[in-house]
Amino acid sequence: MAEEYRIAWIIYAAGTLVLLSAGWWFMRNWKWSWLRRAILVTFAAALLVPARSSGPDAVTVPVLPLFVYQTLFEEDGAAPEVTANLVFATGGALGLMAIWGLLTLYLSHRREQRRRFDEDPYFNEQ
């Protein structure tokens, strides 16, 4: 990778991390922390996953800006491989965080039930 692209990637990644930490800061008081994490991880996947354009020595670029550029400025629209990269990156991140959230909700429900049973031994007989 050329030096210019490396510097551009560093600047882009640093800007994205600042944007994501600002999002975390403004959403820090949300009650469902797994939903906040799901939104942030999905945005991080869309913003930071690299996509390789078609060509033998093509440079990797971030998938979301490439998708937006191709959609707006190219005649044929976004390339299928760029669209697939975007869909699989964000869908995979969202699916992973949805599973994490469901497990968190289930385990907190079990913890609450166990706490109520410890406080009231007749709770299970109702």
N, C-alpha and C. Protein backbone atom coordinates (compact mmCIF):
# COMPACT_ATOMS: atom_id res chain seq x y z
N MET A 1 0.85 -1.16 0.00
CA MET A 1 0.00 0.00 0.00
C MET A 1 0.91 1.23 0.00
N ALA A 2 0.57 2.19 -0.82
CA ALA A 2 1.37 3.40 -0.93
C ALA A 2 1.27 4.22 0.35
N GLU A 3 2.25 5.06 0.54
CA GLU A 3 2.33 5.87 1.75
C GLU A 3 1.13 6.82 1.88
N GLU A 4 0.66 7.36 0.75
CA GLU A 4 -0.48 8.27 0.80
C GLU A 4 -1.73 7.56 1.30
N TYR A 5 -1.95 6.32 0.84
CA TYR A 5 -3.12 5.56 1.28
C TYR A 5 -3.00 5.17 2.75
N ARG A 6 -1.81 4.87 3.19
CA ARG A 6 -1.62 4.52 4.59
C ARG A 6 -1.94 5.72 5.49
N ILE A 7 -1.47 6.90 5.10
CA ILE A 7 -1.77 8.10 5.88
C ILE A 7 -3.26 8.41 5.83
N ALA A 8 -3.87 8.24 4.65
CA ALA A 8 -5.31 8.49 4.53
C ALA A 8 -6.11 7.51 5.40
N TRP A 9 -5.69 6.23 5.44
CA TRP A 9 -6.36 5.25 6.29
C TRP A 9 -6.22 5.61 7.75
N ILE A 10 -5.06 6.07 8.16
CA ILE A 10 -4.85 6.44 9.56
C ILE A 10 -5.75 7.61 9.94
N ILE A 11 -5.81 8.61 9.07
CA ILE A 11 -6.67 9.77 9.34
C ILE A 11 -8.14 9.35 9.36
N TYR A 12 -8.54 8.51 8.41
CA TYR A 12 -9.93 8.06 8.34
C TYR A 12 -10.29 7.23 9.57
N ALA A 13 -9.43 6.30 9.97
CA ALA A 13 -9.70 5.45 11.14
C ALA A 13 -9.75 6.29 12.41
N ALA A 14 -8.85 7.26 12.54
CA ALA A 14 -8.87 8.12 13.73
C ALA A 14 -10.14 8.94 13.77
N GLY A 15 -10.56 9.49 12.64
CA GLY A 15 -11.81 10.25 12.60
C GLY A 15 -13.02 9.40 12.92
N THR A 16 -13.01 8.17 12.43
CA THR A 16 -14.12 7.25 12.71
C THR A 16 -14.16 6.90 14.19
N LEU A 17 -13.00 6.66 14.79
CA LEU A 17 -12.97 6.35 16.22
C LEU A 17 -13.43 7.54 17.06
N VAL A 18 -13.09 8.75 16.65
CA VAL A 18 -13.59 9.93 17.35
C VAL A 18 -15.10 10.02 17.22
N LEU A 19 -15.62 9.77 16.03
CA LEU A 19 -17.06 9.79 15.81
C LEU A 19 -17.78 8.73 16.64
N LEU A 20 -17.22 7.51 16.70
CA LEU A 20 -17.84 6.45 17.48
C LEU A 20 -17.76 6.73 18.98
N SER A 21 -16.64 7.30 19.44
CA SER A 21 -16.56 7.61 20.87
C SER A 21 -17.50 8.76 21.23
N ALA A 22 -17.72 9.69 20.30
CA ALA A 22 -18.71 10.75 20.56
C ALA A 22 -20.11 10.14 20.63
N GLY A 23 -20.40 9.17 19.76
CA GLY A 23 -21.69 8.48 19.83
C GLY A 23 -21.85 7.73 21.13
N TRP A 24 -20.79 7.07 21.59
CA TRP A 24 -20.85 6.37 22.87
C TRP A 24 -21.09 7.37 23.99
N TRP A 25 -20.43 8.52 23.95
CA TRP A 25 -20.56 9.52 25.00
C TRP A 25 -22.01 10.02 25.10
N PHE A 26 -22.64 10.30 23.96
CA PHE A 26 -23.99 10.82 23.99
C PHE A 26 -25.03 9.74 24.31
N MET A 27 -24.69 8.47 24.08
CA MET A 27 -25.64 7.39 24.39
C MET A 27 -25.30 6.67 25.68
N ARG A 28 -24.42 7.19 26.49
CA ARG A 28 -23.95 6.44 27.67
C ARG A 28 -25.01 6.25 28.73
N ASN A 29 -26.06 7.03 28.75
CA ASN A 29 -27.09 6.92 29.78
C ASN A 29 -28.28 6.07 29.33
N TRP A 30 -28.17 5.43 28.19
CA TRP A 30 -29.24 4.54 27.76
C TRP A 30 -29.34 3.36 28.71
N LYS A 31 -30.57 2.91 28.95
CA LYS A 31 -30.77 1.80 29.88
C LYS A 31 -30.31 0.47 29.28
N TRP A 32 -30.56 0.27 27.99
CA TRP A 32 -30.15 -0.99 27.36
C TRP A 32 -28.78 -0.79 26.74
N SER A 33 -27.76 -1.16 27.45
CA SER A 33 -26.40 -0.94 26.95
C SER A 33 -26.11 -1.79 25.72
N TRP A 34 -26.75 -2.96 25.61
CA TRP A 34 -26.48 -3.80 24.44
C TRP A 34 -27.01 -3.16 23.16
N LEU A 35 -28.09 -2.37 23.25
CA LEU A 35 -28.60 -1.68 22.07
C LEU A 35 -27.62 -0.60 21.63
N ARG A 36 -27.06 0.12 22.58
CA ARG A 36 -26.04 1.12 22.27
C ARG A 36 -24.84 0.46 21.61
N ARG A 37 -24.40 -0.66 22.15
CA ARG A 37 -23.27 -1.37 21.56
C ARG A 37 -23.61 -1.88 20.17
N ALA A 38 -24.84 -2.36 19.97
CA ALA A 38 -25.24 -2.85 18.65
C ALA A 38 -25.20 -1.75 17.61
N ILE A 39 -25.70 -0.58 17.96
CA ILE A 39 -25.68 0.54 17.02
C ILE A 39 -24.25 0.95 16.72
N LEU A 40 -23.42 1.07 17.74
CA LEU A 40 -22.04 1.51 17.53
C LEU A 40 -21.21 0.48 16.76
N VAL A 41 -21.38 -0.80 17.05
CA VAL A 41 -20.62 -1.83 16.33
C VAL A 41 -21.07 -1.91 14.88
N THR A 42 -22.37 -1.75 14.63
CA THR A 42 -22.85 -1.75 13.25
C THR A 42 -22.29 -0.58 12.47
N PHE A 43 -22.30 0.61 13.07
CA PHE A 43 -21.70 1.76 12.40
C PHE A 43 -20.20 1.58 12.21
N ALA A 44 -19.53 1.01 13.19
CA ALA A 44 -18.09 0.77 13.06
C ALA A 44 -17.80 -0.20 11.93
N ALA A 45 -18.62 -1.25 11.81
CA ALA A 45 -18.42 -2.21 10.72
C ALA A 45 -18.66 -1.55 9.37
N ALA A 46 -19.69 -0.72 9.28
CA ALA A 46 -19.98 -0.06 8.00
C ALA A 46 -18.90 0.96 7.66
N LEU A 47 -18.34 1.61 8.65
CA LEU A 47 -17.36 2.66 8.38
C LEU A 47 -15.93 2.15 8.22
N LEU A 48 -15.58 1.06 8.87
CA LEU A 48 -14.18 0.64 8.90
C LEU A 48 -13.84 -0.59 8.08
N VAL A 49 -14.82 -1.37 7.65
CA VAL A 49 -14.51 -2.57 6.88
C VAL A 49 -13.97 -2.16 5.51
N PRO A 50 -12.82 -2.67 5.13
CA PRO A 50 -12.28 -2.29 3.82
C PRO A 50 -12.87 -3.13 2.70
N ALA A 51 -12.94 -2.54 1.53
CA ALA A 51 -13.40 -3.23 0.33
C ALA A 51 -12.34 -3.06 -0.75
N ARG A 52 -12.07 -4.11 -1.47
CA ARG A 52 -11.10 -4.04 -2.56
C ARG A 52 -11.87 -3.86 -3.85
N SER A 53 -11.54 -2.82 -4.57
CA SER A 53 -12.17 -2.58 -5.86
C SER A 53 -11.68 -3.61 -6.88
N SER A 54 -12.44 -3.74 -7.95
CA SER A 54 -12.03 -4.68 -8.99
C SER A 54 -10.78 -4.14 -9.69
N GLY A 55 -9.84 -4.98 -9.84
CA GLY A 55 -8.57 -4.59 -10.46
C GLY A 55 -7.45 -5.37 -9.81
N PRO A 56 -6.38 -5.63 -10.56
CA PRO A 56 -5.31 -6.48 -10.01
C PRO A 56 -4.56 -5.85 -8.84
N ASP A 57 -4.22 -4.59 -8.93
CA ASP A 57 -3.48 -3.97 -7.83
C ASP A 57 -4.28 -2.80 -7.25
N ALA A 58 -5.55 -3.05 -7.00
CA ALA A 58 -6.43 -2.02 -6.44
C ALA A 58 -6.15 -1.85 -4.96
N VAL A 59 -6.35 -0.66 -4.49
CA VAL A 59 -6.11 -0.32 -3.09
C VAL A 59 -7.40 -0.56 -2.30
N THR A 60 -7.25 -1.02 -1.06
CA THR A 60 -8.42 -1.20 -0.22
C THR A 60 -8.88 0.16 0.28
N VAL A 61 -10.17 0.37 0.23
CA VAL A 61 -10.77 1.62 0.70
C VAL A 61 -11.94 1.25 1.62
N PRO A 62 -12.35 2.16 2.49
CA PRO A 62 -13.50 1.88 3.37
C PRO A 62 -14.75 1.63 2.53
N VAL A 63 -15.54 0.66 2.96
CA VAL A 63 -16.65 0.19 2.13
C VAL A 63 -17.80 1.20 2.05
N LEU A 64 -18.15 1.87 3.12
CA LEU A 64 -19.28 2.80 3.08
C LEU A 64 -19.00 4.02 2.21
N PRO A 65 -17.84 4.68 2.36
CA PRO A 65 -17.57 5.80 1.44
C PRO A 65 -17.48 5.36 -0.01
N LEU A 66 -16.91 4.17 -0.27
CA LEU A 66 -16.84 3.67 -1.64
C LEU A 66 -18.24 3.41 -2.19
N PHE A 67 -19.11 2.84 -1.37
CA PHE A 67 -20.49 2.58 -1.79
C PHE A 67 -21.21 3.88 -2.12
N VAL A 68 -21.07 4.88 -1.26
CA VAL A 68 -21.72 6.17 -1.50
C VAL A 68 -21.17 6.83 -2.75
N TYR A 69 -19.85 6.79 -2.92
CA TYR A 69 -19.24 7.39 -4.11
C TYR A 69 -19.72 6.71 -5.38
N GLN A 70 -19.72 5.38 -5.39
CA GLN A 70 -20.16 4.67 -6.59
C GLN A 70 -21.64 4.89 -6.87
N THR A 71 -22.44 4.96 -5.82
CA THR A 71 -23.87 5.19 -6.02
C THR A 71 -24.14 6.57 -6.61
N LEU A 72 -23.42 7.57 -6.15
CA LEU A 72 -23.68 8.94 -6.59
C LEU A 72 -23.01 9.29 -7.92
N PHE A 73 -21.79 8.83 -8.15
CA PHE A 73 -21.01 9.37 -9.26
C PHE A 73 -20.74 8.40 -10.40
N GLU A 74 -21.07 7.14 -10.28
CA GLU A 74 -20.83 6.22 -11.38
C GLU A 74 -22.16 5.90 -12.07
N GLU A 75 -22.08 5.68 -13.37
CA GLU A 75 -23.29 5.47 -14.16
C GLU A 75 -24.04 4.20 -13.77
N ASP A 76 -23.31 3.14 -13.52
CA ASP A 76 -23.94 1.85 -13.21
C ASP A 76 -24.31 1.70 -11.75
N GLY A 77 -24.00 2.67 -10.94
CA GLY A 77 -24.27 2.56 -9.51
C GLY A 77 -23.16 1.80 -8.80
N ALA A 78 -23.45 1.35 -7.62
CA ALA A 78 -22.45 0.65 -6.82
C ALA A 78 -22.17 -0.73 -7.40
N ALA A 79 -20.92 -1.13 -7.34
CA ALA A 79 -20.52 -2.46 -7.81
C ALA A 79 -21.11 -3.53 -6.90
N PRO A 80 -21.46 -4.68 -7.46
CA PRO A 80 -22.06 -5.74 -6.62
C PRO A 80 -21.16 -6.20 -5.47
N GLU A 81 -19.84 -6.26 -5.69
CA GLU A 81 -18.96 -6.71 -4.61
C GLU A 81 -18.89 -5.69 -3.48
N VAL A 82 -19.00 -4.40 -3.81
CA VAL A 82 -19.00 -3.37 -2.76
C VAL A 82 -20.31 -3.42 -1.97
N THR A 83 -21.41 -3.60 -2.68
CA THR A 83 -22.70 -3.72 -2.00
C THR A 83 -22.73 -4.95 -1.11
N ALA A 84 -22.20 -6.07 -1.61
CA ALA A 84 -22.15 -7.29 -0.80
C ALA A 84 -21.27 -7.11 0.43
N ASN A 85 -20.13 -6.45 0.28
CA ASN A 85 -19.27 -6.19 1.43
C ASN A 85 -20.00 -5.36 2.48
N LEU A 86 -20.71 -4.34 2.03
CA LEU A 86 -21.43 -3.47 2.97
C LEU A 86 -22.55 -4.23 3.68
N VAL A 87 -23.30 -5.01 2.94
CA VAL A 87 -24.41 -5.76 3.52
C VAL A 87 -23.91 -6.80 4.51
N PHE A 88 -22.88 -7.55 4.13
CA PHE A 88 -22.39 -8.61 5.02
C PHE A 88 -21.67 -8.04 6.24
N ALA A 89 -20.98 -6.93 6.10
CA ALA A 89 -20.29 -6.33 7.24
C ALA A 89 -21.29 -5.81 8.26
N THR A 90 -22.26 -5.02 7.80
CA THR A 90 -23.22 -4.46 8.74
C THR A 90 -24.19 -5.52 9.24
N GLY A 91 -24.62 -6.41 8.37
CA GLY A 91 -25.53 -7.48 8.80
C GLY A 91 -24.88 -8.42 9.79
N GLY A 92 -23.62 -8.75 9.56
CA GLY A 92 -22.91 -9.61 10.50
C GLY A 92 -22.72 -8.96 11.85
N ALA A 93 -22.35 -7.69 11.85
CA ALA A 93 -22.18 -6.97 13.12
C ALA A 93 -23.51 -6.85 13.85
N LEU A 94 -24.57 -6.51 13.12
CA LEU A 94 -25.87 -6.37 13.75
C LEU A 94 -26.38 -7.72 14.27
N GLY A 95 -26.17 -8.78 13.51
CA GLY A 95 -26.58 -10.12 13.97
C GLY A 95 -25.82 -10.55 15.21
N LEU A 96 -24.52 -10.30 15.21
CA LEU A 96 -23.71 -10.67 16.37
C LEU A 96 -24.15 -9.90 17.61
N MET A 97 -24.42 -8.62 17.46
CA MET A 97 -24.83 -7.83 18.62
C MET A 97 -26.27 -8.14 19.03
N ALA A 98 -27.12 -8.56 18.10
CA ALA A 98 -28.48 -8.97 18.47
C ALA A 98 -28.43 -10.25 19.31
N ILE A 99 -27.58 -11.18 18.92
CA ILE A 99 -27.42 -12.40 19.72
C ILE A 99 -26.88 -12.05 21.10
N TRP A 100 -25.89 -11.15 21.14
CA TRP A 100 -25.33 -10.71 22.42
C TRP A 100 -26.42 -10.06 23.29
N GLY A 101 -27.26 -9.22 22.69
CA GLY A 101 -28.32 -8.55 23.43
C GLY A 101 -29.36 -9.52 23.95
N LEU A 102 -29.75 -10.48 23.13
CA LEU A 102 -30.73 -11.47 23.59
C LEU A 102 -30.17 -12.31 24.73
N LEU A 103 -28.91 -12.70 24.63
CA LEU A 103 -28.29 -13.44 25.74
C LEU A 103 -28.23 -12.59 27.00
N THR A 104 -27.90 -11.32 26.86
CA THR A 104 -27.85 -10.43 28.02
C THR A 104 -29.22 -10.29 28.67
N LEU A 105 -30.26 -10.09 27.85
CA LEU A 105 -31.61 -9.99 28.40
C LEU A 105 -32.04 -11.28 29.09
N TYR A 106 -31.73 -12.42 28.48
CA TYR A 106 -32.11 -13.70 29.06
C TYR A 106 -31.39 -13.93 30.39
N LEU A 107 -30.09 -13.65 30.43
CA LEU A 107 -29.35 -13.86 31.67
C LEU A 107 -29.77 -12.89 32.76
N SER A 108 -30.10 -11.66 32.41
CA SER A 108 -30.58 -10.73 33.44
C SER A 108 -31.96 -11.15 33.95
N HIS A 109 -32.80 -11.70 33.07
CA HIS A 109 -34.10 -12.21 33.52
C HIS A 109 -33.91 -13.39 34.47
N ARG A 110 -33.00 -14.29 34.14
CA ARG A 110 -32.72 -15.42 35.03
C ARG A 110 -32.18 -14.95 36.37
N ARG A 111 -31.31 -13.95 36.35
CA ARG A 111 -30.74 -13.41 37.59
C ARG A 111 -31.84 -12.79 38.44
N GLU A 112 -32.77 -12.07 37.80
CA GLU A 112 -33.89 -11.45 38.52
C GLU A 112 -34.80 -12.52 39.13
N GLN A 113 -35.08 -13.57 38.38
CA GLN A 113 -35.91 -14.66 38.91
C GLN A 113 -35.22 -15.34 40.09
N ARG A 114 -33.93 -15.55 39.99
CA ARG A 114 -33.20 -16.19 41.09
C ARG A 114 -33.21 -15.30 42.33
N ARG A 115 -33.05 -13.99 42.13
CA ARG A 115 -33.08 -13.06 43.26
C ARG A 115 -34.46 -13.06 43.92
N ARG A 116 -35.52 -13.08 43.11
CA ARG A 116 -36.87 -13.10 43.69
C ARG A 116 -37.13 -14.41 44.41
N PHE A 117 -36.62 -15.51 43.91
CA PHE A 117 -36.79 -16.80 44.57
C PHE A 117 -36.03 -16.84 45.89
N ASP A 118 -34.83 -16.24 45.93
CA ASP A 118 -34.07 -16.22 47.17
C ASP A 118 -34.76 -15.38 48.24
N GLU A 119 -35.43 -14.30 47.82
CA GLU A 119 -36.14 -13.45 48.77
C GLU A 119 -37.44 -14.09 49.24
N ASP A 120 -38.12 -14.80 48.37
CA ASP A 120 -39.41 -15.41 48.70
C ASP A 120 -39.41 -16.86 48.25
N PRO A 121 -39.22 -17.82 49.16
CA PRO A 121 -39.13 -19.23 48.77
C PRO A 121 -40.43 -19.76 48.18
N TYR A 122 -41.57 -19.11 48.43
CA TYR A 122 -42.85 -19.58 47.88
C TYR A 122 -43.14 -18.99 46.51
N PHE A 123 -42.22 -18.21 45.97
CA PHE A 123 -42.41 -17.57 44.66
C PHE A 123 -42.59 -18.61 43.56
N ASN A 124 -41.87 -19.72 43.66
CA ASN A 124 -41.90 -20.73 42.61
C ASN A 124 -43.23 -21.49 42.60
N GLU A 125 -43.96 -21.49 43.71
CA GLU A 125 -45.21 -22.26 43.78
C GLU A 125 -46.41 -21.50 43.26
N GLN A 126 -46.27 -20.24 42.95
CA GLN A 126 -47.41 -19.44 42.49
C GLN A 126 -47.81 -19.79 41.09
